[in-house]
Amino acid sequence: MIQATELDLVITRTLRVPPAAIWKAWSDPAHLQHWWCPKPWTTEVLAYDLRPGGAFHTRMSGPDGEVSDNPGSFLVVEPGARLVFTSALAADWRPAVDSWMPMTACIDIAPDGAGGTRYTATVLHRDLAGREQHEQMGFYDGWGVCIDQLEAYAAGLR
């Protein structure tokens, strides 16, 4: 797990589903699209190459026609335990063009000892301004809703 600093936003939760189900929901784009953004928004997975340097590109659409295009790439893939992805790089380590908010997200998945999962999302930002902007946009509420949706969805994947 990464050591967070003042530039980072962190959410840790204990989920009532096993790590294998959480990993399954994260590692298959057919599953990811069901929980990755707060409803009533929807997620379209445009690219998902689950390997270091592989593309991770989603487009989120809101109920009033809003669109959030999110190209990026995976940096670390440790099956069942950890995913790290970034918006600062595109596929195959190419610098991202037009990344409106460069960030790196570390998703850590671990058994909690009671059959559930200790889930931690740490989002790293370039500077305090980026961190503050992300927090003011509703990071904790938005990512919190997604984690709730992940838990509910993954419960059906056991």
N, C-alpha and C. Protein backbone atom coordinates (compact mmCIF):
# COMPACT_ATOMS: atom_id res chain seq x y z
N MET A 1 0.85 -1.16 0.00
CA MET A 1 0.00 0.00 0.00
C MET A 1 0.90 1.24 0.00
N ILE A 2 0.46 2.26 -0.71
CA ILE A 2 1.22 3.50 -0.82
C ILE A 2 1.09 4.34 0.45
N GLN A 3 2.13 5.06 0.79
CA GLN A 3 2.08 5.99 1.92
C GLN A 3 1.49 7.31 1.43
N ALA A 4 0.31 7.64 1.90
CA ALA A 4 -0.38 8.86 1.46
C ALA A 4 0.29 10.10 2.04
N THR A 5 0.18 11.21 1.28
CA THR A 5 0.68 12.51 1.71
C THR A 5 -0.46 13.51 1.65
N GLU A 6 -0.15 14.77 1.91
CA GLU A 6 -1.17 15.82 1.85
C GLU A 6 -1.68 16.06 0.43
N LEU A 7 -1.04 15.49 -0.57
CA LEU A 7 -1.47 15.63 -1.96
C LEU A 7 -2.51 14.58 -2.35
N ASP A 8 -2.83 13.68 -1.44
CA ASP A 8 -3.63 12.52 -1.78
C ASP A 8 -4.99 12.51 -1.09
N LEU A 9 -5.92 11.82 -1.70
CA LEU A 9 -7.24 11.57 -1.13
C LEU A 9 -7.35 10.06 -0.92
N VAL A 10 -7.84 9.65 0.25
CA VAL A 10 -7.87 8.23 0.60
C VAL A 10 -9.24 7.86 1.16
N ILE A 11 -9.73 6.71 0.70
CA ILE A 11 -10.95 6.11 1.25
C ILE A 11 -10.62 4.67 1.58
N THR A 12 -10.93 4.25 2.80
CA THR A 12 -10.75 2.85 3.20
C THR A 12 -12.09 2.36 3.74
N ARG A 13 -12.48 1.19 3.28
CA ARG A 13 -13.74 0.59 3.72
C ARG A 13 -13.54 -0.91 3.94
N THR A 14 -14.35 -1.46 4.81
CA THR A 14 -14.44 -2.90 4.94
C THR A 14 -15.71 -3.32 4.22
N LEU A 15 -15.55 -4.16 3.20
CA LEU A 15 -16.69 -4.60 2.39
C LEU A 15 -17.06 -6.02 2.80
N ARG A 16 -18.34 -6.32 2.68
CA ARG A 16 -18.87 -7.62 3.13
C ARG A 16 -18.85 -8.68 2.04
N VAL A 17 -17.94 -8.58 1.13
CA VAL A 17 -17.77 -9.59 0.08
C VAL A 17 -16.30 -9.97 0.02
N PRO A 18 -15.99 -11.18 -0.43
CA PRO A 18 -14.60 -11.62 -0.44
C PRO A 18 -13.76 -10.89 -1.49
N PRO A 19 -12.45 -10.82 -1.26
CA PRO A 19 -11.56 -10.15 -2.21
C PRO A 19 -11.68 -10.68 -3.65
N ALA A 20 -11.92 -11.97 -3.82
CA ALA A 20 -12.03 -12.53 -5.17
C ALA A 20 -13.18 -11.90 -5.95
N ALA A 21 -14.30 -11.63 -5.27
CA ALA A 21 -15.44 -11.01 -5.94
C ALA A 21 -15.15 -9.55 -6.28
N ILE A 22 -14.45 -8.84 -5.39
CA ILE A 22 -14.06 -7.46 -5.66
C ILE A 22 -13.12 -7.42 -6.86
N TRP A 23 -12.15 -8.32 -6.89
CA TRP A 23 -11.22 -8.37 -8.02
C TRP A 23 -11.95 -8.67 -9.32
N LYS A 24 -12.88 -9.59 -9.26
CA LYS A 24 -13.64 -9.95 -10.47
C LYS A 24 -14.40 -8.73 -11.00
N ALA A 25 -15.01 -7.95 -10.10
CA ALA A 25 -15.75 -6.76 -10.51
C ALA A 25 -14.83 -5.70 -11.10
N TRP A 26 -13.59 -5.64 -10.62
CA TRP A 26 -12.62 -4.66 -11.12
C TRP A 26 -11.94 -5.13 -12.41
N SER A 27 -11.73 -6.42 -12.55
CA SER A 27 -10.84 -6.90 -13.61
C SER A 27 -11.54 -7.28 -14.92
N ASP A 28 -12.83 -7.12 -14.98
CA ASP A 28 -13.58 -7.44 -16.20
C ASP A 28 -14.40 -6.21 -16.60
N PRO A 29 -14.13 -5.63 -17.78
CA PRO A 29 -14.85 -4.42 -18.17
C PRO A 29 -16.36 -4.62 -18.25
N ALA A 30 -16.82 -5.84 -18.51
CA ALA A 30 -18.26 -6.10 -18.53
C ALA A 30 -18.87 -5.89 -17.15
N HIS A 31 -18.09 -6.10 -16.11
CA HIS A 31 -18.56 -5.85 -14.74
C HIS A 31 -18.35 -4.38 -14.35
N LEU A 32 -17.20 -3.84 -14.70
CA LEU A 32 -16.84 -2.47 -14.32
C LEU A 32 -17.91 -1.47 -14.72
N GLN A 33 -18.47 -1.63 -15.89
CA GLN A 33 -19.44 -0.65 -16.39
C GLN A 33 -20.70 -0.56 -15.52
N HIS A 34 -20.95 -1.56 -14.68
CA HIS A 34 -22.15 -1.57 -13.85
C HIS A 34 -22.03 -0.76 -12.56
N TRP A 35 -20.80 -0.45 -12.13
CA TRP A 35 -20.65 0.20 -10.83
C TRP A 35 -19.66 1.36 -10.79
N TRP A 36 -18.92 1.61 -11.85
CA TRP A 36 -17.77 2.52 -11.82
C TRP A 36 -18.11 4.00 -11.68
N CYS A 37 -19.29 4.44 -11.92
CA CYS A 37 -19.62 5.85 -11.66
C CYS A 37 -20.97 5.92 -10.93
N PRO A 38 -21.17 6.99 -10.16
CA PRO A 38 -22.41 7.09 -9.39
C PRO A 38 -23.65 7.16 -10.29
N LYS A 39 -24.61 6.30 -10.02
CA LYS A 39 -25.87 6.33 -10.76
C LYS A 39 -26.60 7.63 -10.43
N PRO A 40 -27.25 8.28 -11.35
CA PRO A 40 -27.75 7.77 -12.62
C PRO A 40 -26.76 7.90 -13.79
N TRP A 41 -25.52 8.31 -13.52
CA TRP A 41 -24.51 8.34 -14.57
C TRP A 41 -24.25 6.91 -15.05
N THR A 42 -23.75 6.77 -16.27
CA THR A 42 -23.40 5.46 -16.81
C THR A 42 -21.95 5.47 -17.28
N THR A 43 -21.37 4.30 -17.33
CA THR A 43 -19.98 4.14 -17.76
C THR A 43 -19.93 3.31 -19.02
N GLU A 44 -19.19 3.81 -19.99
CA GLU A 44 -18.87 3.05 -21.20
C GLU A 44 -17.37 2.76 -21.15
N VAL A 45 -16.99 1.51 -21.27
CA VAL A 45 -15.57 1.14 -21.25
C VAL A 45 -15.09 1.11 -22.70
N LEU A 46 -14.22 2.06 -23.04
CA LEU A 46 -13.72 2.19 -24.41
C LEU A 46 -12.46 1.37 -24.65
N ALA A 47 -11.65 1.20 -23.62
CA ALA A 47 -10.43 0.37 -23.71
C ALA A 47 -10.12 -0.16 -22.33
N TYR A 48 -9.73 -1.44 -22.28
CA TYR A 48 -9.44 -2.07 -21.00
C TYR A 48 -8.46 -3.20 -21.25
N ASP A 49 -7.19 -2.90 -21.17
CA ASP A 49 -6.12 -3.86 -21.41
C ASP A 49 -5.38 -4.05 -20.08
N LEU A 50 -5.82 -5.02 -19.31
CA LEU A 50 -5.38 -5.20 -17.92
C LEU A 50 -3.96 -5.76 -17.85
N ARG A 51 -3.00 -4.85 -18.03
CA ARG A 51 -1.57 -5.16 -17.92
C ARG A 51 -0.84 -3.84 -17.70
N PRO A 52 0.33 -3.87 -17.07
CA PRO A 52 1.08 -2.63 -16.95
C PRO A 52 1.33 -2.01 -18.33
N GLY A 53 0.93 -0.77 -18.49
CA GLY A 53 1.03 -0.08 -19.77
C GLY A 53 -0.20 -0.23 -20.64
N GLY A 54 -1.13 -1.07 -20.22
CA GLY A 54 -2.36 -1.29 -20.99
C GLY A 54 -3.33 -0.14 -20.83
N ALA A 55 -4.12 0.09 -21.85
CA ALA A 55 -5.08 1.19 -21.86
C ALA A 55 -6.22 0.95 -20.86
N PHE A 56 -6.64 2.04 -20.20
CA PHE A 56 -7.81 2.05 -19.32
C PHE A 56 -8.55 3.33 -19.66
N HIS A 57 -9.61 3.20 -20.45
CA HIS A 57 -10.32 4.37 -20.96
C HIS A 57 -11.81 4.18 -20.75
N THR A 58 -12.39 5.07 -19.95
CA THR A 58 -13.83 5.04 -19.72
C THR A 58 -14.42 6.39 -20.11
N ARG A 59 -15.68 6.34 -20.47
CA ARG A 59 -16.44 7.57 -20.72
C ARG A 59 -17.70 7.49 -19.88
N MET A 60 -17.90 8.51 -19.07
CA MET A 60 -19.06 8.56 -18.19
C MET A 60 -20.05 9.57 -18.75
N SER A 61 -21.33 9.20 -18.73
CA SER A 61 -22.37 10.08 -19.26
C SER A 61 -23.41 10.34 -18.19
N GLY A 62 -23.79 11.62 -18.06
CA GLY A 62 -24.76 12.02 -17.06
C GLY A 62 -26.17 12.10 -17.62
N PRO A 63 -27.14 12.20 -16.75
CA PRO A 63 -28.54 12.19 -17.17
C PRO A 63 -28.96 13.43 -17.97
N ASP A 64 -28.18 14.49 -17.88
CA ASP A 64 -28.50 15.72 -18.61
C ASP A 64 -27.56 15.97 -19.78
N GLY A 65 -26.93 14.89 -20.26
CA GLY A 65 -26.05 15.00 -21.41
C GLY A 65 -24.59 15.32 -21.08
N GLU A 66 -24.26 15.40 -19.80
CA GLU A 66 -22.86 15.63 -19.41
C GLU A 66 -22.01 14.43 -19.84
N VAL A 67 -20.74 14.71 -20.18
CA VAL A 67 -19.83 13.64 -20.57
C VAL A 67 -18.48 13.89 -19.90
N SER A 68 -17.91 12.83 -19.34
CA SER A 68 -16.58 12.88 -18.77
C SER A 68 -15.77 11.78 -19.44
N ASP A 69 -14.80 12.19 -20.28
CA ASP A 69 -13.96 11.24 -21.00
C ASP A 69 -12.68 11.04 -20.20
N ASN A 70 -12.33 9.79 -19.91
CA ASN A 70 -11.24 9.50 -18.99
C ASN A 70 -10.24 8.48 -19.55
N PRO A 71 -9.40 8.90 -20.50
CA PRO A 71 -8.37 7.98 -20.99
C PRO A 71 -7.23 7.88 -19.99
N GLY A 72 -6.59 6.74 -19.97
CA GLY A 72 -5.45 6.54 -19.09
C GLY A 72 -4.83 5.18 -19.34
N SER A 73 -4.05 4.73 -18.36
CA SER A 73 -3.42 3.42 -18.50
C SER A 73 -3.19 2.80 -17.13
N PHE A 74 -3.04 1.49 -17.15
CA PHE A 74 -2.69 0.74 -15.95
C PHE A 74 -1.18 0.83 -15.75
N LEU A 75 -0.78 0.98 -14.50
CA LEU A 75 0.65 1.00 -14.17
C LEU A 75 1.07 -0.29 -13.47
N VAL A 76 0.22 -0.76 -12.56
CA VAL A 76 0.50 -1.97 -11.77
C VAL A 76 -0.74 -2.84 -11.80
N VAL A 77 -0.54 -4.13 -12.03
CA VAL A 77 -1.63 -5.10 -11.97
C VAL A 77 -1.12 -6.30 -11.16
N GLU A 78 -1.62 -6.43 -9.93
CA GLU A 78 -1.31 -7.56 -9.08
C GLU A 78 -2.62 -8.30 -8.84
N PRO A 79 -2.88 -9.36 -9.62
CA PRO A 79 -4.18 -10.03 -9.57
C PRO A 79 -4.64 -10.35 -8.15
N GLY A 80 -5.87 -9.94 -7.88
CA GLY A 80 -6.49 -10.19 -6.59
C GLY A 80 -6.09 -9.25 -5.49
N ALA A 81 -5.11 -8.36 -5.73
CA ALA A 81 -4.59 -7.55 -4.64
C ALA A 81 -4.47 -6.06 -4.92
N ARG A 82 -4.08 -5.70 -6.15
CA ARG A 82 -3.77 -4.29 -6.38
C ARG A 82 -3.87 -3.90 -7.84
N LEU A 83 -4.46 -2.72 -8.06
CA LEU A 83 -4.47 -2.07 -9.37
C LEU A 83 -4.00 -0.64 -9.18
N VAL A 84 -3.16 -0.19 -10.07
CA VAL A 84 -2.76 1.21 -10.09
C VAL A 84 -2.95 1.69 -11.52
N PHE A 85 -3.67 2.81 -11.66
CA PHE A 85 -3.89 3.38 -12.98
C PHE A 85 -3.73 4.88 -12.92
N THR A 86 -3.53 5.50 -14.07
CA THR A 86 -3.28 6.93 -14.12
C THR A 86 -3.95 7.57 -15.32
N SER A 87 -4.25 8.84 -15.18
CA SER A 87 -4.74 9.63 -16.31
C SER A 87 -3.59 10.44 -16.93
N ALA A 88 -2.41 10.35 -16.34
CA ALA A 88 -1.26 11.11 -16.83
C ALA A 88 -0.59 10.43 -18.02
N LEU A 89 -0.84 9.14 -18.18
CA LEU A 89 -0.27 8.38 -19.29
C LEU A 89 -1.38 7.67 -20.04
N ALA A 90 -1.19 7.56 -21.33
CA ALA A 90 -2.10 6.77 -22.16
C ALA A 90 -1.48 5.38 -22.33
N ALA A 91 -2.07 4.57 -23.16
CA ALA A 91 -1.58 3.21 -23.38
C ALA A 91 -0.12 3.20 -23.79
N ASP A 92 0.56 2.14 -23.37
CA ASP A 92 1.96 1.90 -23.69
C ASP A 92 2.88 3.03 -23.25
N TRP A 93 2.52 3.63 -22.11
CA TRP A 93 3.36 4.62 -21.43
C TRP A 93 3.48 5.94 -22.18
N ARG A 94 2.61 6.20 -23.14
CA ARG A 94 2.64 7.47 -23.88
C ARG A 94 2.07 8.58 -23.01
N PRO A 95 2.70 9.77 -23.01
CA PRO A 95 2.13 10.88 -22.24
C PRO A 95 0.71 11.17 -22.70
N ALA A 96 -0.15 11.41 -21.75
CA ALA A 96 -1.55 11.71 -22.05
C ALA A 96 -1.66 13.11 -22.64
N VAL A 97 -2.53 13.25 -23.58
CA VAL A 97 -2.83 14.55 -24.16
C VAL A 97 -4.15 15.00 -23.55
N ASP A 98 -4.21 16.25 -23.14
CA ASP A 98 -5.46 16.82 -22.62
C ASP A 98 -5.98 16.13 -21.36
N SER A 99 -5.11 15.70 -20.48
CA SER A 99 -5.57 15.15 -19.21
C SER A 99 -6.01 16.32 -18.34
N TRP A 100 -7.31 16.47 -18.14
CA TRP A 100 -7.84 17.63 -17.42
C TRP A 100 -7.50 17.58 -15.94
N MET A 101 -7.32 16.39 -15.40
CA MET A 101 -6.91 16.27 -14.01
C MET A 101 -5.96 15.08 -13.89
N PRO A 102 -4.66 15.33 -14.08
CA PRO A 102 -3.73 14.20 -13.96
C PRO A 102 -3.75 13.65 -12.54
N MET A 103 -3.91 12.36 -12.44
CA MET A 103 -3.94 11.70 -11.14
C MET A 103 -3.53 10.25 -11.33
N THR A 104 -3.18 9.64 -10.21
CA THR A 104 -2.89 8.21 -10.18
C THR A 104 -3.73 7.62 -9.06
N ALA A 105 -4.40 6.52 -9.35
CA ALA A 105 -5.24 5.86 -8.35
C ALA A 105 -4.67 4.49 -8.02
N CYS A 106 -4.55 4.22 -6.73
CA CYS A 106 -4.07 2.92 -6.24
C CYS A 106 -5.24 2.24 -5.54
N ILE A 107 -5.61 1.08 -6.02
CA ILE A 107 -6.71 0.31 -5.43
C ILE A 107 -6.09 -0.91 -4.76
N ASP A 108 -6.21 -0.98 -3.43
CA ASP A 108 -5.67 -2.11 -2.68
C ASP A 108 -6.80 -2.94 -2.13
N ILE A 109 -6.71 -4.25 -2.36
CA ILE A 109 -7.74 -5.22 -2.00
C ILE A 109 -7.08 -6.28 -1.12
N ALA A 110 -7.59 -6.46 0.10
CA ALA A 110 -6.99 -7.44 1.01
C ALA A 110 -8.07 -8.09 1.85
N PRO A 111 -7.86 -9.37 2.23
CA PRO A 111 -8.81 -10.02 3.13
C PRO A 111 -8.88 -9.26 4.46
N ASP A 112 -10.07 -9.19 5.04
CA ASP A 112 -10.21 -8.49 6.32
C ASP A 112 -10.19 -9.45 7.51
N GLY A 113 -10.08 -10.74 7.25
CA GLY A 113 -10.03 -11.72 8.34
C GLY A 113 -11.38 -12.30 8.71
N ALA A 114 -12.46 -11.72 8.21
CA ALA A 114 -13.81 -12.20 8.53
C ALA A 114 -14.56 -12.59 7.26
N GLY A 115 -13.84 -12.86 6.19
CA GLY A 115 -14.47 -13.25 4.94
C GLY A 115 -14.79 -12.08 4.02
N GLY A 116 -14.51 -10.88 4.48
CA GLY A 116 -14.76 -9.68 3.68
C GLY A 116 -13.46 -9.13 3.09
N THR A 117 -13.52 -7.87 2.71
CA THR A 117 -12.40 -7.23 2.05
C THR A 117 -12.08 -5.88 2.68
N ARG A 118 -10.83 -5.65 2.91
CA ARG A 118 -10.34 -4.31 3.27
C ARG A 118 -9.98 -3.64 1.95
N TYR A 119 -10.72 -2.60 1.60
CA TYR A 119 -10.62 -1.93 0.30
C TYR A 119 -10.12 -0.51 0.52
N THR A 120 -9.02 -0.16 -0.11
CA THR A 120 -8.47 1.18 0.03
C THR A 120 -8.23 1.77 -1.36
N ALA A 121 -8.77 2.95 -1.57
CA ALA A 121 -8.51 3.71 -2.79
C ALA A 121 -7.72 4.95 -2.38
N THR A 122 -6.51 5.08 -2.93
CA THR A 122 -5.65 6.23 -2.68
C THR A 122 -5.44 6.94 -4.02
N VAL A 123 -5.83 8.20 -4.09
CA VAL A 123 -5.72 8.94 -5.34
C VAL A 123 -4.68 10.04 -5.17
N LEU A 124 -3.62 9.95 -5.97
CA LEU A 124 -2.49 10.86 -5.89
C LEU A 124 -2.66 12.00 -6.89
N HIS A 125 -2.33 13.20 -6.46
CA HIS A 125 -2.44 14.39 -7.31
C HIS A 125 -1.09 15.06 -7.45
N ARG A 126 -0.93 15.84 -8.49
CA ARG A 126 0.33 16.52 -8.78
C ARG A 126 0.63 17.60 -7.75
N ASP A 127 -0.41 18.29 -7.29
CA ASP A 127 -0.21 19.41 -6.37
C ASP A 127 -1.46 19.58 -5.49
N LEU A 128 -1.36 20.48 -4.52
CA LEU A 128 -2.48 20.71 -3.62
C LEU A 128 -3.70 21.26 -4.35
N ALA A 129 -3.47 22.10 -5.35
CA ALA A 129 -4.60 22.66 -6.11
C ALA A 129 -5.40 21.55 -6.77
N GLY A 130 -4.73 20.57 -7.37
CA GLY A 130 -5.43 19.44 -8.00
C GLY A 130 -6.17 18.60 -6.98
N ARG A 131 -5.52 18.37 -5.83
CA ARG A 131 -6.17 17.60 -4.77
C ARG A 131 -7.42 18.33 -4.28
N GLU A 132 -7.30 19.61 -4.03
CA GLU A 132 -8.43 20.39 -3.53
C GLU A 132 -9.56 20.46 -4.56
N GLN A 133 -9.20 20.61 -5.83
CA GLN A 133 -10.22 20.63 -6.88
C GLN A 133 -10.98 19.32 -6.90
N HIS A 134 -10.25 18.20 -6.82
CA HIS A 134 -10.88 16.88 -6.85
C HIS A 134 -11.78 16.68 -5.63
N GLU A 135 -11.31 17.12 -4.48
CA GLU A 135 -12.12 16.98 -3.27
C GLU A 135 -13.38 17.84 -3.36
N GLN A 136 -13.26 19.08 -3.85
CA GLN A 136 -14.41 19.97 -3.98
C GLN A 136 -15.41 19.47 -5.02
N MET A 137 -14.93 18.71 -6.00
CA MET A 137 -15.83 18.13 -7.02
C MET A 137 -16.70 17.03 -6.42
N GLY A 138 -16.38 16.62 -5.21
CA GLY A 138 -17.18 15.58 -4.57
C GLY A 138 -16.49 14.23 -4.53
N PHE A 139 -15.17 14.23 -4.44
CA PHE A 139 -14.42 12.97 -4.42
C PHE A 139 -14.98 11.97 -3.41
N TYR A 140 -15.11 12.38 -2.15
CA TYR A 140 -15.51 11.43 -1.12
C TYR A 140 -16.93 10.90 -1.35
N ASP A 141 -17.84 11.77 -1.74
CA ASP A 141 -19.19 11.31 -2.03
C ASP A 141 -19.21 10.42 -3.27
N GLY A 142 -18.59 10.87 -4.35
CA GLY A 142 -18.62 10.12 -5.61
C GLY A 142 -17.92 8.78 -5.52
N TRP A 143 -16.70 8.78 -5.01
CA TRP A 143 -15.98 7.51 -4.88
C TRP A 143 -16.65 6.63 -3.83
N GLY A 144 -17.21 7.23 -2.79
CA GLY A 144 -17.93 6.46 -1.77
C GLY A 144 -19.14 5.75 -2.35
N VAL A 145 -19.91 6.45 -3.18
CA VAL A 145 -21.06 5.83 -3.85
C VAL A 145 -20.58 4.68 -4.75
N CYS A 146 -19.49 4.90 -5.48
CA CYS A 146 -18.98 3.84 -6.35
C CYS A 146 -18.55 2.62 -5.55
N ILE A 147 -17.95 2.84 -4.39
CA ILE A 147 -17.55 1.70 -3.54
C ILE A 147 -18.79 0.98 -3.04
N ASP A 148 -19.83 1.70 -2.67
CA ASP A 148 -21.09 1.06 -2.27
C ASP A 148 -21.66 0.23 -3.43
N GLN A 149 -21.64 0.82 -4.62
CA GLN A 149 -22.15 0.10 -5.81
C GLN A 149 -21.28 -1.11 -6.13
N LEU A 150 -19.96 -0.98 -5.96
CA LEU A 150 -19.05 -2.11 -6.16
C LEU A 150 -19.39 -3.24 -5.20
N GLU A 151 -19.58 -2.91 -3.93
CA GLU A 151 -19.89 -3.94 -2.93
C GLU A 151 -21.19 -4.66 -3.29
N ALA A 152 -22.22 -3.90 -3.63
CA ALA A 152 -23.51 -4.51 -3.97
C ALA A 152 -23.40 -5.36 -5.23
N TYR A 153 -22.70 -4.85 -6.24
CA TYR A 153 -22.55 -5.61 -7.48
C TYR A 153 -21.73 -6.86 -7.27
N ALA A 154 -20.60 -6.73 -6.56
CA ALA A 154 -19.71 -7.88 -6.33
C ALA A 154 -20.37 -8.97 -5.50
N ALA A 155 -21.35 -8.60 -4.69
CA ALA A 155 -22.05 -9.61 -3.89
C ALA A 155 -22.74 -10.64 -4.79
N GLY A 156 -23.12 -10.24 -5.99
CA GLY A 156 -23.73 -11.16 -6.95
C GLY A 156 -22.75 -11.98 -7.76
N LEU A 157 -21.44 -11.74 -7.56
CA LEU A 157 -20.40 -12.43 -8.34
C LEU A 157 -19.75 -13.57 -7.58
N ARG A 158 -20.20 -13.83 -6.39
CA ARG A 158 -19.55 -14.88 -5.58
C ARG A 158 -19.59 -16.21 -6.26
